[in-house]
Amino acid sequence: WREFEMLVGEAFRRQGYKVREIGL
Protein backbone atom coordinates (compact mmCIF):
# COMPACT_ATOMS: atom_id res chain seq x y z
CA TRP A 1 0.00 0.00 0.00
CA ARG A 2 2.87 2.41 0.71
CA GLU A 3 4.40 1.90 -2.74
CA PHE A 4 0.97 2.36 -4.29
CA GLU A 5 0.57 5.73 -2.56
CA MET A 6 4.08 6.75 -3.63
CA LEU A 7 3.30 5.80 -7.24
CA VAL A 8 0.05 7.77 -7.28
CA GLY A 9 1.74 10.78 -5.68
CA GLU A 10 4.58 10.70 -8.21
CA ALA A 11 2.14 10.45 -11.12
CA PHE A 12 0.32 13.56 -9.91
CA ARG A 13 3.63 15.31 -9.26
CA ARG A 14 4.64 14.70 -12.88
CA GLN A 15 1.36 16.34 -13.90
CA GLY A 16 2.40 19.58 -12.22
CA TYR A 17 0.71 19.18 -8.84
CA LYS A 18 2.41 20.03 -5.58
CA VAL A 19 1.92 16.84 -3.58
CA ARG A 20 1.73 16.58 0.18
CA GLU A 21 1.80 13.02 1.47
CA ILE A 22 -0.44 12.37 4.46
CA GLY A 23 -1.04 8.63 4.61
CA LEU A 24 2.49 7.26 4.23
PDB file of all heavy atoms in Angstrom:
ATOM      1  N   TRP A   1       0.816  -1.211   0.000  1.00  0.00           N
ATOM      2  CA  TRP A   1       0.000   0.000   0.000  1.00  0.00           C
ATOM      3  C   TRP A   1       0.850   1.262   0.000  1.00  0.00           C
ATOM      4  O   TRP A   1       0.483   2.273  -0.612  1.00  0.00           O
ATOM      5  CB  TRP A   1      -0.940   0.008   1.208  1.00  0.00           C
ATOM      6  CG  TRP A   1      -0.258   0.034   2.538  1.00  0.00           C
ATOM      7  CD1 TRP A   1       0.076  -1.035   3.304  1.00  0.00           C
ATOM      8  CD2 TRP A   1       0.188   1.186   3.248  1.00  0.00           C
ATOM      9  NE1 TRP A   1       0.705  -0.630   4.454  1.00  0.00           N
ATOM     10  CE2 TRP A   1       0.779   0.733   4.448  1.00  0.00           C
ATOM     11  CE3 TRP A   1       0.132   2.553   2.992  1.00  0.00           C
ATOM     12  CZ2 TRP A   1       1.331   1.613   5.384  1.00  0.00           C
ATOM     13  CZ3 TRP A   1       0.677   3.423   3.934  1.00  0.00           C
ATOM     14  CH2 TRP A   1       1.261   2.960   5.105  1.00  0.00           C
ATOM     15  N   ARG A   2       2.026   1.222   0.662  1.00  0.00           N
ATOM     16  CA  ARG A   2       2.872   2.407   0.707  1.00  0.00           C
ATOM     17  C   ARG A   2       3.435   2.717  -0.674  1.00  0.00           C
ATOM     18  O   ARG A   2       3.472   3.880  -1.104  1.00  0.00           O
ATOM     19  CB  ARG A   2       4.015   2.203   1.709  1.00  0.00           C
ATOM     20  CG  ARG A   2       4.843   3.465   1.931  1.00  0.00           C
ATOM     21  CD  ARG A   2       5.982   3.216   2.923  1.00  0.00           C
ATOM     22  NE  ARG A   2       6.627   4.466   3.292  1.00  0.00           N
ATOM     23  CZ  ARG A   2       7.538   5.076   2.547  1.00  0.00           C
ATOM     24  NH1 ARG A   2       7.907   4.553   1.390  1.00  0.00           N
ATOM     25  NH2 ARG A   2       8.082   6.224   2.949  1.00  0.00           N
ATOM     26  N   GLU A   3       3.894   1.690  -1.387  1.00  0.00           N
ATOM     27  CA  GLU A   3       4.405   1.898  -2.737  1.00  0.00           C
ATOM     28  C   GLU A   3       3.311   2.415  -3.660  1.00  0.00           C
ATOM     29  O   GLU A   3       3.571   3.250  -4.540  1.00  0.00           O
ATOM     30  CB  GLU A   3       4.990   0.589  -3.269  1.00  0.00           C
ATOM     31  CG  GLU A   3       6.265   0.158  -2.587  1.00  0.00           C
ATOM     32  CD  GLU A   3       6.742  -1.199  -3.074  1.00  0.00           C
ATOM     33  OE1 GLU A   3       5.910  -2.016  -3.503  1.00  0.00           O
ATOM     34  OE2 GLU A   3       7.964  -1.434  -3.009  1.00  0.00           O
ATOM     35  N   PHE A   4       2.082   1.911  -3.457  1.00  0.00           N
ATOM     36  CA  PHE A   4       0.973   2.363  -4.286  1.00  0.00           C
ATOM     37  C   PHE A   4       0.727   3.858  -4.074  1.00  0.00           C
ATOM     38  O   PHE A   4       0.536   4.610  -5.038  1.00  0.00           O
ATOM     39  CB  PHE A   4      -0.279   1.562  -3.944  1.00  0.00           C
ATOM     40  CG  PHE A   4      -1.461   1.872  -4.824  1.00  0.00           C
ATOM     41  CD1 PHE A   4      -1.461   1.514  -6.168  1.00  0.00           C
ATOM     42  CD2 PHE A   4      -2.572   2.520  -4.315  1.00  0.00           C
ATOM     43  CE1 PHE A   4      -2.544   1.790  -6.980  1.00  0.00           C
ATOM     44  CE2 PHE A   4      -3.661   2.803  -5.113  1.00  0.00           C
ATOM     45  CZ  PHE A   4      -3.649   2.441  -6.450  1.00  0.00           C
ATOM     46  N   GLU A   5       0.745   4.310  -2.838  1.00  0.00           N
ATOM     47  CA  GLU A   5       0.566   5.734  -2.563  1.00  0.00           C
ATOM     48  C   GLU A   5       1.707   6.561  -3.159  1.00  0.00           C
ATOM     49  O   GLU A   5       1.495   7.653  -3.699  1.00  0.00           O
ATOM     50  CB  GLU A   5       0.469   5.974  -1.058  1.00  0.00           C
ATOM     51  CG  GLU A   5      -0.824   5.461  -0.450  1.00  0.00           C
ATOM     52  CD  GLU A   5      -0.912   5.742   1.047  1.00  0.00           C
ATOM     53  OE1 GLU A   5      -0.136   6.606   1.535  1.00  0.00           O
ATOM     54  OE2 GLU A   5      -1.744   5.116   1.723  1.00  0.00           O
ATOM     55  N   MET A   6       2.930   6.042  -3.057  1.00  0.00           N
ATOM     56  CA  MET A   6       4.076   6.747  -3.634  1.00  0.00           C
ATOM     57  C   MET A   6       3.948   6.864  -5.147  1.00  0.00           C
ATOM     58  O   MET A   6       4.245   7.911  -5.739  1.00  0.00           O
ATOM     59  CB  MET A   6       5.372   6.021  -3.276  1.00  0.00           C
ATOM     60  CG  MET A   6       5.722   6.063  -1.807  1.00  0.00           C
ATOM     61  SD  MET A   6       7.238   5.138  -1.408  1.00  0.00           S
ATOM     62  CE  MET A   6       8.471   6.185  -2.166  1.00  0.00           C
ATOM     63  N   LEU A   7       3.492   5.781  -5.788  1.00  0.00           N
ATOM     64  CA  LEU A   7       3.297   5.796  -7.238  1.00  0.00           C
ATOM     65  C   LEU A   7       2.251   6.833  -7.638  1.00  0.00           C
ATOM     66  O   LEU A   7       2.474   7.634  -8.554  1.00  0.00           O
ATOM     67  CB  LEU A   7       2.860   4.407  -7.711  1.00  0.00           C
ATOM     68  CG  LEU A   7       2.406   4.327  -9.178  1.00  0.00           C
ATOM     69  CD1 LEU A   7       3.600   4.458 -10.107  1.00  0.00           C
ATOM     70  CD2 LEU A   7       1.647   3.044  -9.443  1.00  0.00           C
ATOM     71  N   VAL A   8       1.116   6.829  -6.954  1.00  0.00           N
ATOM     72  CA  VAL A   8       0.050   7.774  -7.278  1.00  0.00           C
ATOM     73  C   VAL A   8       0.529   9.208  -7.061  1.00  0.00           C
ATOM     74  O   VAL A   8       0.305  10.092  -7.900  1.00  0.00           O
ATOM     75  CB  VAL A   8      -1.202   7.485  -6.430  1.00  0.00           C
ATOM     76  CG1 VAL A   8      -2.260   8.559  -6.652  1.00  0.00           C
ATOM     77  CG2 VAL A   8      -1.771   6.105  -6.782  1.00  0.00           C
ATOM     78  N   GLY A   9       1.221   9.434  -5.950  1.00  0.00           N
ATOM     79  CA  GLY A   9       1.737  10.776  -5.680  1.00  0.00           C
ATOM     80  C   GLY A   9       2.717  11.232  -6.740  1.00  0.00           C
ATOM     81  O   GLY A   9       2.679  12.387  -7.184  1.00  0.00           O
ATOM     82  N   GLU A  10       3.601  10.332  -7.184  1.00  0.00           N
ATOM     83  CA  GLU A  10       4.576  10.701  -8.205  1.00  0.00           C
ATOM     84  C   GLU A  10       3.902  10.981  -9.545  1.00  0.00           C
ATOM     85  O   GLU A  10       4.307  11.898 -10.277  1.00  0.00           O
ATOM     86  CB  GLU A  10       5.612   9.584  -8.358  1.00  0.00           C
ATOM     87  CG  GLU A  10       6.734   9.893  -9.335  1.00  0.00           C
ATOM     88  CD  GLU A  10       7.605  11.058  -8.905  1.00  0.00           C
ATOM     89  OE1 GLU A  10       7.546  11.453  -7.710  1.00  0.00           O
ATOM     90  OE2 GLU A  10       8.344  11.567  -9.762  1.00  0.00           O
ATOM     91  N   ALA A  11       2.870  10.209  -9.865  1.00  0.00           N
ATOM     92  CA  ALA A  11       2.138  10.451 -11.117  1.00  0.00           C
ATOM     93  C   ALA A  11       1.504  11.837 -11.116  1.00  0.00           C
ATOM     94  O   ALA A  11       1.568  12.565 -12.108  1.00  0.00           O
ATOM     95  CB  ALA A  11       1.076   9.370 -11.313  1.00  0.00           C
ATOM     96  N   PHE A  12       0.904  12.221  -9.992  1.00  0.00           N
ATOM     97  CA  PHE A  12       0.319  13.561  -9.909  1.00  0.00           C
ATOM     98  C   PHE A  12       1.399  14.637  -9.909  1.00  0.00           C
ATOM     99  O   PHE A  12       1.220  15.706 -10.493  1.00  0.00           O
ATOM    100  CB  PHE A  12      -0.544  13.688  -8.654  1.00  0.00           C
ATOM    101  CG  PHE A  12      -1.896  13.036  -8.782  1.00  0.00           C
ATOM    102  CD1 PHE A  12      -2.298  12.069  -7.869  1.00  0.00           C
ATOM    103  CD2 PHE A  12      -2.762  13.393  -9.798  1.00  0.00           C
ATOM    104  CE1 PHE A  12      -3.546  11.465  -7.987  1.00  0.00           C
ATOM    105  CE2 PHE A  12      -4.005  12.797  -9.921  1.00  0.00           C
ATOM    106  CZ  PHE A  12      -4.400  11.829  -9.013  1.00  0.00           C
ATOM    107  N   ARG A  13       2.530  14.345  -9.282  1.00  0.00           N
ATOM    108  CA  ARG A  13       3.629  15.312  -9.257  1.00  0.00           C
ATOM    109  C   ARG A  13       4.126  15.574 -10.676  1.00  0.00           C
ATOM    110  O   ARG A  13       4.438  16.724 -11.038  1.00  0.00           O
ATOM    111  CB  ARG A  13       4.757  14.783  -8.368  1.00  0.00           C
ATOM    112  CG  ARG A  13       5.844  15.796  -8.090  1.00  0.00           C
ATOM    113  CD  ARG A  13       6.870  15.240  -7.098  1.00  0.00           C
ATOM    114  NE  ARG A  13       6.332  15.181  -5.742  1.00  0.00           N
ATOM    115  CZ  ARG A  13       6.032  14.071  -5.099  1.00  0.00           C
ATOM    116  NH1 ARG A  13       6.195  12.884  -5.686  1.00  0.00           N
ATOM    117  NH2 ARG A  13       5.564  14.099  -3.862  1.00  0.00           N
ATOM    118  N   ARG A  14       4.198  14.529 -11.487  1.00  0.00           N
ATOM    119  CA  ARG A  14       4.639  14.699 -12.880  1.00  0.00           C
ATOM    120  C   ARG A  14       3.617  15.487 -13.700  1.00  0.00           C
ATOM    121  O   ARG A  14       3.958  16.015 -14.760  1.00  0.00           O
ATOM    122  CB  ARG A  14       4.851  13.331 -13.530  1.00  0.00           C
ATOM    123  CG  ARG A  14       5.917  12.460 -12.900  1.00  0.00           C
ATOM    124  CD  ARG A  14       7.312  12.972 -13.151  1.00  0.00           C
ATOM    125  NE  ARG A  14       8.316  12.102 -12.559  1.00  0.00           N
ATOM    126  CZ  ARG A  14       8.930  11.115 -13.223  1.00  0.00           C
ATOM    127  NH1 ARG A  14       8.645  10.897 -14.498  1.00  0.00           N
ATOM    128  NH2 ARG A  14       9.831  10.373 -12.623  1.00  0.00           N
ATOM    129  N   GLN A  15       2.385  15.552 -13.220  1.00  0.00           N
ATOM    130  CA  GLN A  15       1.361  16.343 -13.903  1.00  0.00           C
ATOM    131  C   GLN A  15       1.356  17.805 -13.460  1.00  0.00           C
ATOM    132  O   GLN A  15       0.508  18.574 -13.894  1.00  0.00           O
ATOM    133  CB  GLN A  15      -0.025  15.734 -13.648  1.00  0.00           C
ATOM    134  CG  GLN A  15      -0.247  14.393 -14.324  1.00  0.00           C
ATOM    135  CD  GLN A  15      -1.659  13.885 -14.143  1.00  0.00           C
ATOM    136  OE1 GLN A  15      -2.315  14.190 -13.150  1.00  0.00           O
ATOM    137  NE2 GLN A  15      -2.134  13.120 -15.112  1.00  0.00           N
ATOM    138  N   GLY A  16       2.282  18.178 -12.614  1.00  0.00           N
ATOM    139  CA  GLY A  16       2.397  19.577 -12.216  1.00  0.00           C
ATOM    140  C   GLY A  16       1.768  19.927 -10.891  1.00  0.00           C
ATOM    141  O   GLY A  16       1.742  21.106 -10.508  1.00  0.00           O
ATOM    142  N   TYR A  17       1.277  18.922 -10.155  1.00  0.00           N
ATOM    143  CA  TYR A  17       0.707  19.183  -8.836  1.00  0.00           C
ATOM    144  C   TYR A  17       1.812  19.257  -7.782  1.00  0.00           C
ATOM    145  O   TYR A  17       2.831  18.558  -7.883  1.00  0.00           O
ATOM    146  CB  TYR A  17      -0.259  18.069  -8.424  1.00  0.00           C
ATOM    147  CG  TYR A  17      -1.547  18.035  -9.209  1.00  0.00           C
ATOM    148  CD1 TYR A  17      -1.683  17.189 -10.307  1.00  0.00           C
ATOM    149  CD2 TYR A  17      -2.628  18.820  -8.839  1.00  0.00           C
ATOM    150  CE1 TYR A  17      -2.870  17.139 -11.026  1.00  0.00           C
ATOM    151  CE2 TYR A  17      -3.817  18.775  -9.543  1.00  0.00           C
ATOM    152  CZ  TYR A  17      -3.929  17.937 -10.641  1.00  0.00           C
ATOM    153  OH  TYR A  17      -5.102  17.889 -11.355  1.00  0.00           O
ATOM    154  N   LYS A  18       1.597  20.084  -6.790  1.00  0.00           N
ATOM    155  CA  LYS A  18       2.407  20.033  -5.581  1.00  0.00           C
ATOM    156  C   LYS A  18       1.745  19.013  -4.670  1.00  0.00           C
ATOM    157  O   LYS A  18       0.573  19.152  -4.325  1.00  0.00           O
ATOM    158  CB  LYS A  18       2.464  21.404  -4.907  1.00  0.00           C
ATOM    159  CG  LYS A  18       3.322  21.428  -3.655  1.00  0.00           C
ATOM    160  CD  LYS A  18       3.355  22.814  -3.032  1.00  0.00           C
ATOM    161  CE  LYS A  18       4.179  22.818  -1.746  1.00  0.00           C
ATOM    162  NZ  LYS A  18       4.183  24.167  -1.117  1.00  0.00           N
ATOM    163  N   VAL A  19       2.484  17.986  -4.282  1.00  0.00           N
ATOM    164  CA  VAL A  19       1.916  16.836  -3.580  1.00  0.00           C
ATOM    165  C   VAL A  19       2.387  16.823  -2.135  1.00  0.00           C
ATOM    166  O   VAL A  19       3.583  16.864  -1.855  1.00  0.00           O
ATOM    167  CB  VAL A  19       2.312  15.514  -4.272  1.00  0.00           C
ATOM    168  CG1 VAL A  19       1.700  14.325  -3.541  1.00  0.00           C
ATOM    169  CG2 VAL A  19       1.867  15.528  -5.735  1.00  0.00           C
ATOM    170  N   ARG A  20       1.434  16.752  -1.239  1.00  0.00           N
ATOM    171  CA  ARG A  20       1.733  16.581   0.184  1.00  0.00           C
ATOM    172  C   ARG A  20       1.233  15.208   0.605  1.00  0.00           C
ATOM    173  O   ARG A  20       0.054  14.893   0.441  1.00  0.00           O
ATOM    174  CB  ARG A  20       1.051  17.677   0.999  1.00  0.00           C
ATOM    175  CG  ARG A  20       1.290  17.557   2.500  1.00  0.00           C
ATOM    176  CD  ARG A  20       0.555  18.659   3.227  1.00  0.00           C
ATOM    177  NE  ARG A  20       0.446  18.387   4.648  1.00  0.00           N
ATOM    178  CZ  ARG A  20      -0.463  18.917   5.439  1.00  0.00           C
ATOM    179  NH1 ARG A  20      -1.365  19.749   4.954  1.00  0.00           N
ATOM    180  NH2 ARG A  20      -0.490  18.622   6.719  1.00  0.00           N
ATOM    181  N   GLU A  21       2.131  14.389   1.120  1.00  0.00           N
ATOM    182  CA  GLU A  21       1.802  13.017   1.474  1.00  0.00           C
ATOM    183  C   GLU A  21       1.344  12.952   2.923  1.00  0.00           C
ATOM    184  O   GLU A  21       2.061  13.354   3.828  1.00  0.00           O
ATOM    185  CB  GLU A  21       3.006  12.113   1.226  1.00  0.00           C
ATOM    186  CG  GLU A  21       3.393  12.059  -0.247  1.00  0.00           C
ATOM    187  CD  GLU A  21       4.743  11.405  -0.467  1.00  0.00           C
ATOM    188  OE1 GLU A  21       5.552  11.415   0.482  1.00  0.00           O
ATOM    189  OE2 GLU A  21       4.989  10.902  -1.568  1.00  0.00           O
ATOM    190  N   ILE A  22       0.149  12.437   3.130  1.00  0.00           N
ATOM    191  CA  ILE A  22      -0.440  12.367   4.461  1.00  0.00           C
ATOM    192  C   ILE A  22      -0.443  10.948   4.989  1.00  0.00           C
ATOM    193  O   ILE A  22      -0.131  10.682   6.139  1.00  0.00           O
ATOM    194  CB  ILE A  22      -1.892  12.905   4.451  1.00  0.00           C
ATOM    195  CG1 ILE A  22      -1.902  14.368   4.004  1.00  0.00           C
ATOM    196  CG2 ILE A  22      -2.540  12.756   5.824  1.00  0.00           C
ATOM    197  CD1 ILE A  22      -1.174  15.313   4.934  1.00  0.00           C
ATOM    198  N   GLY A  23      -0.769   9.994   4.144  1.00  0.00           N
ATOM    199  CA  GLY A  23      -1.039   8.634   4.611  1.00  0.00           C
ATOM    200  C   GLY A  23       0.135   7.700   4.631  1.00  0.00           C
ATOM    201  O   GLY A  23      -0.032   6.531   4.933  1.00  0.00           O
ATOM    202  N   LEU A  24       1.365   8.182   4.312  1.00  0.00           N
ATOM    203  CA  LEU A  24       2.487   7.257   4.228  1.00  0.00           C
ATOM    204  C   LEU A  24       2.938   6.741   5.584  1.00  0.00           C
ATOM    205  O   LEU A  24       3.751   5.844   5.675  1.00  0.00           O
ATOM    206  CB  LEU A  24       3.668   7.929   3.515  1.00  0.00           C
ATOM    207  CG  LEU A  24       3.423   8.210   2.029  1.00  0.00           C
ATOM    208  CD1 LEU A  24       4.671   8.827   1.406  1.00  0.00           C
ATOM    209  CD2 LEU A  24       3.055   6.948   1.282  1.00  0.00           C
TER     210      LEU A  24
END
